[in-house]
Structures are given as C-alpha cells and as structure tokens.
Amino acid sequence: MERKLFFPNILVTFVQLNIKDNNMRKQNLWMAALAMSLTLSVQAQQGNGGISQQMLQQIKQSYQGTPTDKALHNAIANNDINKLAVNAESLNNFDTYFSNKVESKGITSQHSSGRCWLFTGLNVFRSQAIAKFNMGEFQFSQNYSFFWDQLEKSNRFLQGIIDTKDKPMDDKMVEWLFKNTLEDGGQFTGVSDLLTKYGVVPAEVMVETNSSNNTGRMSNLIGLKLKEFGLELREMSAKKASAADLEKKKTEMLGTVYRILALNLGEPPTKFTWTRKDAKGKPVETKEYTPQSFYQEYIGKDLKNGYALLMNDPSREYYKLYEIDFDRHVYDGTNWTYVNLPIEDIKEMAIASIKDSTMLYFSCDVGKFFDRSRGMLDVNYFDYGSLLGTTFGMDKKQRIQTFASGSSHAMTLMAVDLDKNGKAKKWMVENSWGPGANAGHLIMTDEWFNEYMFRLAVDKKYITDKVKEIMKQKPIHLPAWDPMFADED
C-alpha cells in the first residue's frame, strides 16, 4: 500500500530512542531519511546554501581584470584551450625507439563505430597468424563477428527481459536493461565468446559495409525495436503467458533482428574457399573452410580458458577477483571477471608477453593528455594549471571515484622500451583508427600508462603464480550498472 505524508515547510528533527524490533528499526530509518530530505528542501527554499550577494562579491575578487588577466582572456576567448595549454618542453626529445616490439603488418580502421574491442581482439590473433604462416598483410573480418555480436546482444536483452518479467518497470535491473538495450562497444569476453561460438573468416570473405563502418543508425533502430519487443514480452508475461510461449515469441523477434542485420551487414557465410599467400604475395594453399574450421586453423586457442583478465582499479581492494553482472556479449557466455592488481604487477606480465612476441588486448582512457599530431599520450603534454591559474590534483583513485576517468578505448599493446634495469620507459599500441602519426600507432609514457591504463587480457602462460592463486577465489560480484564498466568503443 502506498503511503503519502504531507509536512509543512518546517525543519523536521527526528530522534531515535528505543528500537525494540526490526519493523520499528526500518520505519525509523525511513523517517530519518525523509527528515534529512525535508531538511535539505527547507534549507534550499530559505536560501541557505545559495550564492548570496555578499558571497558573490567575495567570489568576484578571484578575477581582477589585470593586464595579465585581460591578455589571458583574449587568448583563451579566441583559441582552443588545448592549443594554448600545450607544454612546449614536453615536445623535446621525442623518441620512437623501442627495445622490445612485436611487429605488425597493416593498420585497421573501425571508422565511425564503437568496435575497438573487436578490432583489438582480432588484431591480437591476426599478428599470431601472420607470424605462424609467414603471411603479408592480413585481417579477419570484423563485419562477420560484429553481425553475431549484435544478434547475441539482442538475445541477451530479450532474455534479460524474460528473466525480470515479474519485477516492476522501476526495478534497477529492468531499468538498466532498457537503458542498455544494444550497443556496439564491448570488451574481451565478447571476443572470446563470439569467436569460440561462431568462428572467424578472412576480411575479404565478408567485407565491411556502410552500416558496419557507421554503426550508429543501424544499432539505434534495432535498439528501438528491441525496446518495443521488451514491452511486448512483459505484457505477455502479465497475461500469464507460458515460458514456452515467451521463448517462441523471442525466437520470432530475433528473426526480425536477423533480417535487419542481414540487410545492413550482409548474411554471414557458412562455408567459403580462400587462398593463403606468403609475405611476398605468392599463393601457398587454396582450401574450402567453414568459419569454425578457419578459426581452428588460424587461431586454434581456447580463448575462454586461456586468458587472464587483469585490471588496475585503485578504488577497489587489490589482489581480489571481481565479476561484473551481465557484463558480457552472449547471454550464456562469460561475464567480465578480473583480477585487480597494482600497476607494477600488471606491467611485469605485459613485459613478459611482449618479450615473447605476443601482443595483448589493452584498454585505457585514451582521450586524456593526447597529442594527436604525434600520436603521443603524455601526462605532461597539457599544462592547464599554469594557463588557468589553478591546479588539477586528483589521483587515479579519486578520478575513478568521481567519474572523471575510466576505460574508454581498447587497443593492441605491442611494444615496450626498457631501461638498463628492465623498467619500462614508454609503451606502444597498435590502434584501429586507420593511418596517422606513427603509422597508426600510439606511444605512451610510462607515467601515462600508470594513470590511464585500466584493462589487460594476458595469455595465462605469462601470468604469475600469485595471480593463478587469486583466480581460484570466489569472485566479488559487482552490479551491471557499476559506472566503472562502460563498454570500450
């Protein structure tokens, strides 16, 4: 039964005396929360906490309109802040040498799509295939895997709606499902689940289309249809539809999604003939494949069990195993389950992998302190403090806690430059934004790596014994809506 209480605009003070039972405790806590809310409301209405004229006069003293202030205003008003904030000293001694580097052949482009996670995962495995078979430039079809990604995510949403059919629309999980109906971003477990289930094909077997290069419109339309389908499933459930009837309707709905995907991306092949060529372009072998047989020959790894997922999140306890609910691409697939580690522990395993000529799936907050002209990520590149006369002093933990930073983009970690003591000085990633500075690669200082690196997927043969033990722990579960775990795009 809904309770409606009306209070005059007075300060409500609640004093808890003797709590004799749980019911009274719950009621008292509810009343205390209500009292707090009313107190804040009354204060706001009375003007307490606002900017008074006296306060405003004090605030205005921070800008004196001196010749220096006027010169800064003229400069900033007519120019991009980033151009004015460039620290000229950071441009000196730009070094592109790396002591340990995994060679790559050809830069990929995700164009106007959020598929960085998919390009990154496939680029890790294509580098291994190129090395194994002595090929020249080669790519797996991103469009092929993306087709299945969108179908599987559609099923994930619809099944999630069925699972929560008895919950109200304002339930946190139901709300999350309708807010996160379909996206083109993702993370490594999407790569491992999709490739294991559907296999892979060469890029020329299922080429990119306008909708794969520009995913926004297609995904938005499918997402709109899925929301409609979600409401329909909830309505069927409210009318006591059986589980079999809901499953039948879901299958019918996925048929609509499949047709839209096929019209936009093309229909995935079930078999194909392909000729492998060597590094000089000479034909070596022509065979007929299925996507699964091609996967076995050109990747051939147990992706679900062969990788450890690592994270550096100083806002949570280190040396613990965490699992994010519903953070997966495939409904019956694997949630993002990771070991949270100090950054130096992660570096140790990353260096071991690169030294063994094995690239890694890597993600970071790429937009921070980014010099696009040089393809350089350097925390000293912008000096906003000197320009604006203040400081920006939050550390990584504080930025995470205040939602100022998080994992936003995946790339392929493929080089590290070590000093004489084996410590990293800088790192290099293969990006998926097409050709550009450093032939499409980005260089990051080790300090930037410390501050803005978040996730790494490492082949288990490079992980430490300590990490192996942590992976045996029962994971600490975090909710699907945890803000730290937005998709990488």
Protein backbone atom coordinates (compact mmCIF):
# COMPACT_ATOMS: atom_id res chain seq x y z
CA MET A 1 0.00 0.00 0.00
CA GLU A 2 1.41 3.40 -0.95
CA ARG A 3 1.86 5.91 1.91
CA LYS A 4 1.59 9.64 1.25
CA LEU A 5 2.64 12.01 4.05
CA PHE A 6 2.38 15.78 3.96
CA PHE A 7 4.57 18.08 6.09
CA PRO A 8 4.61 21.87 6.41
CA ASN A 9 7.81 23.67 5.40
CA ILE A 10 9.47 23.40 8.79
CA LEU A 11 12.66 21.71 9.89
CA VAL A 12 11.88 18.16 10.96
CA THR A 13 14.05 16.72 13.69
CA PHE A 14 13.97 13.01 14.30
CA VAL A 15 15.37 11.44 17.44
CA GLN A 16 15.62 7.69 17.69
CA LEU A 17 15.07 6.42 21.23
CA ASN A 18 14.47 2.74 21.84
CA ILE A 19 14.29 0.36 18.89
CA LYS A 20 12.57 -2.78 20.02
CA ASP A 21 12.14 -4.73 16.82
CA ASN A 22 13.17 -4.86 13.19
CA ASN A 23 9.94 -3.36 11.90
CA MET A 24 10.35 -0.30 14.10
CA ARG A 25 14.01 -0.02 13.02
CA LYS A 26 13.04 0.01 9.35
CA GLN A 27 10.33 2.61 9.97
CA ASN A 28 12.71 4.79 11.99
CA LEU A 29 15.37 4.65 9.26
CA TRP A 30 12.74 5.56 6.67
CA MET A 31 11.61 8.52 8.78
CA ALA A 32 15.21 9.63 9.31
CA ALA A 33 15.87 9.61 5.55
CA LEU A 34 12.65 11.58 4.99
CA ALA A 35 13.65 14.09 7.67
CA MET A 36 17.03 14.60 6.01
CA SER A 37 15.37 15.15 2.63
CA LEU A 38 12.91 17.66 4.06
CA THR A 39 15.70 19.48 5.89
CA LEU A 40 17.66 19.96 2.66
CA SER A 41 14.48 21.05 0.86
CA VAL A 42 13.62 23.63 3.53
CA GLN A 43 17.17 24.97 3.54
CA ALA A 44 17.08 25.37 -0.23
CA GLN A 45 13.73 27.20 -0.09
CA GLN A 46 15.03 29.54 2.64
CA GLY A 47 18.09 30.39 0.57
CA ASN A 48 20.64 28.69 2.80
CA GLY A 49 23.46 27.25 0.72
CA GLY A 50 22.84 29.55 -2.25
CA ILE A 51 25.11 32.33 -3.53
CA SER A 52 24.30 35.50 -1.59
CA GLN A 53 25.27 38.98 -2.76
CA GLN A 54 27.94 39.14 -0.07
CA MET A 55 29.35 35.79 -1.18
CA LEU A 56 29.24 36.86 -4.82
CA GLN A 57 31.33 39.93 -4.11
CA GLN A 58 33.94 37.73 -2.46
CA ILE A 59 33.91 35.28 -5.37
CA LYS A 60 34.41 38.06 -7.91
CA GLN A 61 37.68 39.04 -6.25
CA SER A 62 39.31 36.00 -7.93
CA TYR A 63 39.29 37.89 -11.24
CA GLN A 64 40.87 41.33 -11.00
CA GLY A 65 40.94 42.24 -14.68
CA THR A 66 44.66 42.95 -14.55
CA PRO A 67 46.60 43.30 -17.81
CA THR A 68 47.66 39.66 -17.35
CA ASP A 69 44.03 38.58 -16.86
CA LYS A 70 42.95 40.53 -19.94
CA ALA A 71 45.73 39.05 -22.05
CA LEU A 72 44.77 35.54 -20.94
CA HIS A 73 41.09 36.24 -21.64
CA ASN A 74 41.88 37.50 -25.15
CA ALA A 75 43.99 34.44 -25.89
CA ILE A 76 41.54 31.88 -24.50
CA ALA A 77 38.45 33.54 -25.96
CA ASN A 78 39.88 33.30 -29.46
CA ASN A 79 41.72 29.97 -29.36
CA ASP A 80 41.31 26.31 -28.45
CA ILE A 81 42.32 25.85 -24.79
CA ASN A 82 44.23 22.71 -25.73
CA LYS A 83 46.46 24.63 -28.12
CA LEU A 84 47.25 27.24 -25.51
CA ALA A 85 47.87 24.67 -22.78
CA VAL A 86 50.50 22.67 -24.69
CA ASN A 87 53.63 22.36 -22.59
CA ALA A 88 56.36 23.22 -25.09
CA GLU A 89 59.01 21.43 -23.06
CA SER A 90 57.16 18.12 -23.48
CA LEU A 91 57.78 18.29 -27.23
CA ASN A 92 61.53 17.90 -26.80
CA ASN A 93 63.35 14.57 -27.06
CA PHE A 94 60.52 12.72 -28.83
CA ASP A 95 61.91 9.19 -29.10
CA THR A 96 60.29 6.43 -31.17
CA TYR A 97 62.79 3.66 -30.41
CA PHE A 98 61.56 0.55 -28.56
CA SER A 99 63.78 -2.13 -27.11
CA ASN A 100 61.07 -4.81 -27.38
CA LYS A 101 58.49 -4.75 -30.15
CA VAL A 102 56.08 -7.19 -31.79
CA GLU A 103 55.95 -6.38 -35.48
CA SER A 104 52.57 -5.72 -37.09
CA LYS A 105 51.55 -5.59 -40.73
CA GLY A 106 48.86 -3.13 -41.75
CA ILE A 107 46.70 -0.77 -39.70
CA THR A 108 42.98 -1.39 -39.38
CA SER A 109 40.20 1.22 -39.16
CA GLN A 110 36.98 0.93 -37.20
CA HIS A 111 35.75 4.13 -38.90
CA SER A 112 32.72 5.70 -37.16
CA SER A 113 31.90 2.72 -34.99
CA GLY A 114 32.43 1.61 -31.41
CA ARG A 115 34.05 -1.69 -32.36
CA CYS A 116 37.52 -1.02 -30.91
CA TRP A 117 37.16 -4.07 -28.64
CA LEU A 118 36.58 -6.32 -31.66
CA PHE A 119 39.36 -4.83 -33.79
CA THR A 120 41.75 -5.10 -30.85
CA GLY A 121 40.95 -8.73 -30.14
CA LEU A 122 41.17 -9.74 -33.80
CA ASN A 123 44.42 -7.78 -34.21
CA VAL A 124 45.99 -9.76 -31.35
CA PHE A 125 45.18 -13.01 -33.12
CA ARG A 126 45.97 -11.86 -36.64
CA SER A 127 49.52 -10.96 -35.55
CA GLN A 128 49.95 -14.54 -34.36
CA ALA A 129 48.51 -15.96 -37.58
CA ILE A 130 50.77 -13.75 -39.71
CA ALA A 131 53.84 -14.91 -37.78
CA LYS A 132 52.81 -18.58 -37.84
CA PHE A 133 52.09 -18.74 -41.56
CA ASN A 134 54.59 -16.10 -42.77
CA MET A 135 51.84 -14.01 -44.38
CA GLY A 136 51.87 -10.40 -45.53
CA GLU A 137 49.05 -8.04 -44.60
CA PHE A 138 46.04 -9.98 -43.35
CA GLN A 139 42.84 -9.27 -41.44
CA PHE A 140 40.00 -11.29 -40.01
CA SER A 141 36.56 -10.00 -40.97
CA GLN A 142 35.35 -7.61 -38.28
CA ASN A 143 31.97 -7.38 -40.02
CA TYR A 144 31.40 -11.13 -39.71
CA SER A 145 31.99 -11.15 -35.94
CA PHE A 146 30.04 -7.93 -35.47
CA PHE A 147 26.95 -9.47 -37.10
CA TRP A 148 26.88 -12.20 -34.47
CA ASP A 149 27.70 -9.72 -31.71
CA GLN A 150 24.59 -7.68 -32.46
CA LEU A 151 22.38 -10.76 -32.69
CA GLU A 152 23.72 -12.18 -29.43
CA LYS A 153 23.34 -8.86 -27.61
CA SER A 154 19.74 -8.69 -28.85
CA ASN A 155 19.09 -12.12 -27.38
CA ARG A 156 20.85 -11.07 -24.16
CA PHE A 157 18.43 -8.17 -23.81
CA LEU A 158 15.28 -10.12 -24.64
CA GLN A 159 16.20 -13.00 -22.33
CA GLY A 160 17.04 -10.48 -19.62
CA ILE A 161 13.54 -9.05 -20.02
CA ILE A 162 12.06 -12.54 -19.66
CA ASP A 163 14.20 -13.21 -16.57
CA THR A 164 12.97 -9.98 -14.93
CA LYS A 165 9.37 -10.23 -16.14
CA ASP A 166 7.93 -10.24 -12.60
CA LYS A 167 9.86 -7.15 -11.48
CA PRO A 168 8.34 -3.65 -11.78
CA MET A 169 9.44 -1.27 -14.52
CA ASP A 170 11.28 0.89 -11.98
CA ASP A 171 13.34 -2.04 -10.72
CA LYS A 172 17.06 -1.22 -11.01
CA MET A 173 17.85 -4.19 -13.28
CA VAL A 174 14.82 -3.65 -15.53
CA GLU A 175 15.74 0.00 -15.83
CA TRP A 176 19.34 -0.93 -16.68
CA LEU A 177 18.20 -3.33 -19.40
CA PHE A 178 16.04 -0.74 -21.13
CA LYS A 179 18.81 1.87 -20.86
CA ASN A 180 21.43 -0.55 -22.26
CA THR A 181 19.37 -2.31 -24.91
CA LEU A 182 22.01 -2.60 -27.64
CA GLU A 183 25.45 -1.11 -28.10
CA ASP A 184 28.37 -1.59 -30.46
CA GLY A 185 31.02 -1.27 -27.75
CA GLY A 186 32.29 -4.17 -25.70
CA GLN A 187 35.25 -5.92 -24.08
CA PHE A 188 37.42 -9.02 -24.31
CA THR A 189 34.88 -11.63 -23.18
CA GLY A 190 32.84 -10.64 -26.22
CA VAL A 191 35.81 -11.55 -28.40
CA SER A 192 36.40 -14.89 -26.68
CA ASP A 193 32.73 -15.95 -26.61
CA LEU A 194 31.87 -14.87 -30.16
CA LEU A 195 34.97 -16.31 -31.83
CA THR A 196 34.61 -19.59 -29.96
CA LYS A 197 30.95 -19.96 -30.90
CA TYR A 198 30.90 -18.64 -34.48
CA GLY A 199 34.47 -18.93 -35.70
CA VAL A 200 36.10 -16.35 -37.98
CA VAL A 201 36.53 -15.61 -41.68
CA PRO A 202 39.08 -13.55 -43.66
CA ALA A 203 38.21 -9.90 -44.24
CA GLU A 204 37.63 -10.40 -47.96
CA VAL A 205 35.06 -13.14 -47.34
CA MET A 206 32.68 -10.77 -45.54
CA VAL A 207 33.67 -7.19 -46.29
CA GLU A 208 32.76 -4.02 -44.43
CA THR A 209 29.58 -2.13 -45.36
CA ASN A 210 28.41 1.41 -44.71
CA SER A 211 26.46 0.20 -41.69
CA SER A 212 29.42 -1.69 -40.20
CA ASN A 213 31.67 1.34 -40.64
CA ASN A 214 28.95 3.67 -39.33
CA THR A 215 27.08 1.59 -36.77
CA GLY A 216 25.07 4.27 -35.01
CA ARG A 217 21.93 4.37 -37.15
CA MET A 218 21.54 0.61 -37.51
CA SER A 219 22.15 -0.12 -33.83
CA ASN A 220 19.79 2.67 -32.81
CA LEU A 221 16.97 1.30 -34.97
CA ILE A 222 17.47 -2.26 -33.75
CA GLY A 223 17.62 -0.97 -30.19
CA LEU A 224 14.34 0.90 -30.68
CA LYS A 225 12.70 -2.27 -31.97
CA LEU A 226 14.09 -4.26 -29.06
CA LYS A 227 12.59 -1.85 -26.55
CA GLU A 228 9.23 -2.39 -28.23
CA PHE A 229 9.77 -6.15 -28.11
CA GLY A 230 10.73 -5.91 -24.44
CA LEU A 231 7.46 -4.23 -23.56
CA GLU A 232 5.57 -6.85 -25.57
CA LEU A 233 7.25 -9.69 -23.67
CA ARG A 234 6.41 -8.05 -20.34
CA GLU A 235 2.80 -7.63 -21.43
CA MET A 236 2.62 -11.30 -22.43
CA SER A 237 4.02 -12.28 -19.05
CA ALA A 238 1.48 -10.11 -17.26
CA LYS A 239 -1.21 -12.08 -19.10
CA LYS A 240 0.29 -15.33 -17.76
CA ALA A 241 1.99 -16.48 -20.98
CA SER A 242 3.90 -19.74 -20.52
CA ALA A 243 7.68 -19.99 -20.64
CA ALA A 244 7.35 -21.87 -23.95
CA ASP A 245 5.21 -19.09 -25.43
CA LEU A 246 7.71 -16.45 -24.35
CA GLU A 247 10.59 -18.46 -25.87
CA LYS A 248 8.65 -18.85 -29.11
CA LYS A 249 7.93 -15.12 -29.27
CA LYS A 250 11.57 -14.29 -28.51
CA THR A 251 12.72 -16.50 -31.39
CA GLU A 252 10.29 -14.71 -33.70
CA MET A 253 11.61 -11.34 -32.55
CA LEU A 254 15.21 -12.40 -33.14
CA GLY A 255 14.19 -13.31 -36.69
CA THR A 256 13.30 -9.65 -37.22
CA VAL A 257 16.66 -8.59 -35.83
CA TYR A 258 18.48 -11.10 -38.03
CA ARG A 259 16.77 -9.74 -41.15
CA ILE A 260 17.71 -6.14 -40.28
CA LEU A 261 21.31 -7.22 -39.69
CA ALA A 262 21.46 -9.15 -42.97
CA LEU A 263 20.10 -6.14 -44.89
CA ASN A 264 22.72 -3.87 -43.33
CA LEU A 265 25.78 -6.09 -42.96
CA GLY A 266 25.15 -8.99 -45.35
CA GLU A 267 24.44 -12.57 -44.35
CA PRO A 268 27.38 -14.44 -42.78
CA PRO A 269 28.82 -17.27 -44.92
CA THR A 270 28.61 -20.86 -43.74
CA LYS A 271 31.48 -22.02 -45.98
CA PHE A 272 33.96 -20.39 -48.34
CA THR A 273 37.09 -21.00 -50.42
CA TRP A 274 40.20 -18.98 -49.59
CA THR A 275 43.79 -18.84 -50.82
CA ARG A 276 46.57 -18.15 -48.36
CA LYS A 277 49.53 -16.13 -49.66
CA ASP A 278 53.03 -15.74 -48.23
CA ALA A 279 54.74 -12.49 -47.27
CA LYS A 280 55.68 -11.87 -50.92
CA GLY A 281 52.11 -12.34 -52.13
CA LYS A 282 52.73 -15.76 -53.65
CA PRO A 283 49.79 -18.22 -53.39
CA VAL A 284 50.56 -21.06 -51.00
CA GLU A 285 47.37 -23.02 -50.45
CA THR A 286 43.71 -22.93 -51.51
CA LYS A 287 41.14 -24.68 -49.34
CA GLU A 288 37.46 -24.75 -48.52
CA TYR A 289 36.63 -23.73 -44.98
CA THR A 290 33.77 -23.19 -42.59
CA PRO A 291 34.12 -20.29 -40.13
CA GLN A 292 34.81 -22.83 -37.38
CA SER A 293 37.47 -24.74 -39.32
CA PHE A 294 39.15 -21.44 -40.23
CA TYR A 295 39.16 -20.48 -36.56
CA GLN A 296 40.76 -23.78 -35.60
CA GLU A 297 43.49 -23.45 -38.22
CA TYR A 298 44.32 -19.75 -37.88
CA ILE A 299 43.64 -19.11 -34.18
CA GLY A 300 43.25 -22.53 -32.57
CA LYS A 301 43.28 -21.34 -28.97
CA ASP A 302 40.96 -21.93 -26.04
CA LEU A 303 40.02 -18.27 -25.70
CA LYS A 304 37.55 -18.82 -22.88
CA ASN A 305 40.00 -20.52 -20.55
CA GLY A 306 43.36 -19.44 -21.91
CA TYR A 307 43.40 -15.79 -20.83
CA ALA A 308 43.56 -13.92 -17.53
CA LEU A 309 41.74 -10.59 -17.35
CA LEU A 310 43.60 -8.02 -15.29
CA MET A 311 42.62 -4.57 -14.11
CA ASN A 312 44.19 -1.64 -12.28
CA ASP A 313 41.44 0.00 -10.21
CA PRO A 314 42.90 1.65 -7.09
CA SER A 315 39.39 2.45 -5.85
CA ARG A 316 38.90 -1.24 -5.01
CA GLU A 317 40.95 -3.70 -2.99
CA TYR A 318 43.90 -5.24 -4.81
CA TYR A 319 44.61 -8.97 -5.11
CA LYS A 320 40.94 -9.80 -5.30
CA LEU A 321 38.81 -11.41 -8.02
CA TYR A 322 35.78 -9.42 -9.22
CA GLU A 323 32.89 -10.27 -11.53
CA ILE A 324 30.57 -7.75 -13.21
CA ASP A 325 26.99 -8.97 -13.51
CA PHE A 326 25.66 -9.03 -17.09
CA ASP A 327 28.92 -7.58 -18.44
CA ARG A 328 29.01 -9.99 -21.36
CA HIS A 329 28.02 -10.10 -25.03
CA VAL A 330 26.44 -13.55 -25.13
CA TYR A 331 23.62 -14.37 -22.69
CA ASP A 332 25.04 -17.82 -21.91
CA GLY A 333 28.61 -16.53 -22.17
CA THR A 334 31.18 -15.23 -19.69
CA ASN A 335 30.95 -12.11 -17.52
CA TRP A 336 33.95 -9.81 -17.29
CA THR A 337 35.76 -11.46 -14.37
CA TYR A 338 39.09 -9.88 -13.48
CA VAL A 339 41.94 -9.77 -11.01
CA ASN A 340 42.51 -6.29 -9.60
CA LEU A 341 46.22 -5.59 -9.30
CA PRO A 342 48.69 -2.78 -8.64
CA ILE A 343 50.00 -1.34 -11.88
CA GLU A 344 53.55 -2.70 -11.41
CA ASP A 345 52.22 -6.28 -11.19
CA ILE A 346 50.40 -5.80 -14.49
CA LYS A 347 53.50 -4.35 -16.14
CA GLU A 348 55.51 -7.43 -15.20
CA MET A 349 53.18 -9.72 -17.15
CA ALA A 350 52.79 -7.30 -20.06
CA ILE A 351 56.56 -7.10 -20.47
CA ALA A 352 56.89 -10.90 -20.36
CA SER A 353 54.29 -11.24 -23.14
CA ILE A 354 55.87 -8.60 -25.40
CA LYS A 355 59.33 -10.09 -24.92
CA ASP A 356 57.86 -13.35 -26.21
CA SER A 357 56.45 -11.59 -29.32
CA THR A 358 52.84 -11.81 -28.14
CA MET A 359 50.57 -8.78 -28.39
CA LEU A 360 47.95 -8.07 -25.72
CA TYR A 361 44.40 -6.76 -25.51
CA PHE A 362 44.74 -3.42 -23.70
CA SER A 363 42.29 -0.68 -22.74
CA CYS A 364 42.68 2.79 -21.32
CA ASP A 365 41.21 6.29 -21.06
CA VAL A 366 42.61 7.35 -24.41
CA GLY A 367 41.29 10.91 -24.54
CA LYS A 368 43.45 12.20 -21.69
CA PHE A 369 46.59 14.25 -22.50
CA PHE A 370 46.56 13.05 -26.11
CA ASP A 371 48.74 14.75 -28.74
CA ARG A 372 47.10 13.61 -31.98
CA SER A 373 49.70 15.24 -34.21
CA ARG A 374 52.45 13.00 -32.81
CA GLY A 375 50.30 10.06 -31.70
CA MET A 376 51.60 10.65 -28.17
CA LEU A 377 50.00 10.13 -24.75
CA ASP A 378 51.90 12.12 -22.11
CA VAL A 379 50.60 13.46 -18.76
CA ASN A 380 52.93 16.45 -19.18
CA TYR A 381 51.68 17.40 -22.65
CA PHE A 382 49.00 19.84 -21.44
CA ASP A 383 49.61 22.35 -18.62
CA TYR A 384 46.09 23.52 -17.87
CA GLY A 385 47.05 24.68 -14.36
CA SER A 386 49.52 27.33 -15.49
CA LEU A 387 47.10 28.63 -18.12
CA LEU A 388 44.11 28.90 -15.77
CA GLY A 389 45.94 29.74 -12.54
CA THR A 390 44.91 26.69 -10.55
CA THR A 391 45.83 23.03 -10.04
CA PHE A 392 44.22 19.72 -11.03
CA GLY A 393 45.42 17.39 -8.31
CA MET A 394 43.21 14.29 -8.26
CA ASP A 395 44.99 10.95 -8.39
CA LYS A 396 43.74 7.89 -10.29
CA LYS A 397 41.64 6.59 -7.40
CA GLN A 398 39.93 9.95 -6.96
CA ARG A 399 39.27 10.32 -10.68
CA ILE A 400 37.57 6.91 -10.70
CA GLN A 401 35.51 7.71 -7.61
CA THR A 402 34.29 10.98 -9.10
CA PHE A 403 33.61 9.51 -12.57
CA ALA A 404 36.34 11.65 -14.12
CA SER A 405 38.14 8.70 -15.71
CA GLY A 406 37.51 5.14 -16.84
CA SER A 407 38.27 2.63 -19.56
CA SER A 408 37.05 4.11 -22.85
CA HIS A 409 39.02 2.55 -25.71
CA ALA A 410 40.74 -0.75 -26.48
CA MET A 411 43.98 -1.09 -28.47
CA THR A 412 46.66 -3.71 -29.05
CA LEU A 413 49.67 -3.40 -26.75
CA MET A 414 52.69 -4.38 -28.82
CA ALA A 415 55.91 -2.65 -27.67
CA VAL A 416 57.78 -1.51 -24.59
CA ASP A 417 61.05 0.38 -24.21
CA LEU A 418 63.04 -0.82 -21.18
CA ASP A 419 65.90 0.88 -19.39
CA LYS A 420 69.08 -0.91 -18.32
CA ASN A 421 67.32 -2.16 -15.18
CA GLY A 422 64.43 -3.66 -17.12
CA LYS A 423 61.96 -0.93 -16.13
CA ALA A 424 59.53 0.47 -18.67
CA LYS A 425 60.16 3.96 -20.04
CA LYS A 426 57.38 4.04 -22.62
CA TRP A 427 54.87 1.81 -24.42
CA MET A 428 53.34 1.49 -27.88
CA VAL A 429 49.92 0.29 -29.03
CA GLU A 430 48.52 -0.58 -32.44
CA ASN A 431 45.37 1.47 -32.81
CA SER A 432 42.32 0.94 -35.06
CA TRP A 433 41.78 4.49 -36.28
CA GLY A 434 43.46 3.99 -39.64
CA PRO A 435 46.77 5.54 -40.79
CA GLY A 436 48.08 8.54 -38.88
CA ALA A 437 51.04 9.61 -36.77
CA ASN A 438 53.48 6.76 -36.13
CA ALA A 439 51.80 4.83 -38.96
CA GLY A 440 48.62 4.43 -36.90
CA HIS A 441 50.34 3.57 -33.60
CA LEU A 442 50.20 5.50 -30.33
CA ILE A 443 53.12 5.96 -27.95
CA MET A 444 52.52 6.49 -24.23
CA THR A 445 54.92 7.46 -21.48
CA ASP A 446 55.19 5.07 -18.55
CA GLU A 447 53.70 7.75 -16.29
CA TRP A 448 50.66 7.99 -18.58
CA PHE A 449 50.39 4.18 -18.51
CA ASN A 450 50.26 4.34 -14.71
CA GLU A 451 47.50 6.92 -14.65
CA TYR A 452 45.19 5.91 -17.51
CA MET A 453 45.70 2.19 -18.25
CA PHE A 454 42.84 0.01 -16.95
CA ARG A 455 42.41 -3.44 -18.52
CA LEU A 456 44.69 -6.11 -19.95
CA ALA A 457 43.95 -9.60 -21.26
CA VAL A 458 47.03 -11.79 -20.85
CA ASP A 459 47.72 -15.29 -22.13
CA LYS A 460 47.83 -17.42 -18.98
CA LYS A 461 51.32 -18.69 -19.75
CA TYR A 462 52.62 -15.22 -18.77
CA ILE A 463 50.74 -14.75 -15.50
CA THR A 464 52.43 -15.06 -12.12
CA ASP A 465 51.79 -17.79 -9.55
CA LYS A 466 50.18 -15.19 -7.31
CA VAL A 467 47.61 -14.32 -9.98
CA LYS A 468 46.92 -18.02 -10.57
CA GLU A 469 46.01 -18.37 -6.90
CA ILE A 470 43.80 -15.26 -6.92
CA MET A 471 41.88 -16.66 -9.89
CA LYS A 472 40.78 -19.56 -7.66
CA GLN A 473 38.93 -17.15 -5.34
CA LYS A 474 35.17 -16.83 -5.30
CA PRO A 475 34.64 -13.56 -7.19
CA ILE A 476 33.21 -10.47 -5.55
CA HIS A 477 30.10 -9.58 -7.55
CA LEU A 478 29.53 -6.03 -8.76
CA PRO A 479 26.27 -4.82 -10.36
CA ALA A 480 25.75 -4.37 -14.08
CA TRP A 481 25.36 -0.62 -13.63
CA ASP A 482 28.69 -0.09 -11.92
CA PRO A 483 29.95 3.09 -13.67
CA MET A 484 33.49 1.75 -13.92
CA PHE A 485 32.43 -0.79 -16.51
CA ALA A 486 31.10 1.06 -19.51
CA ASP A 487 31.81 -0.55 -22.88
CA GLU A 488 35.02 0.24 -24.72
CA ASP A 489 34.40 1.84 -28.09
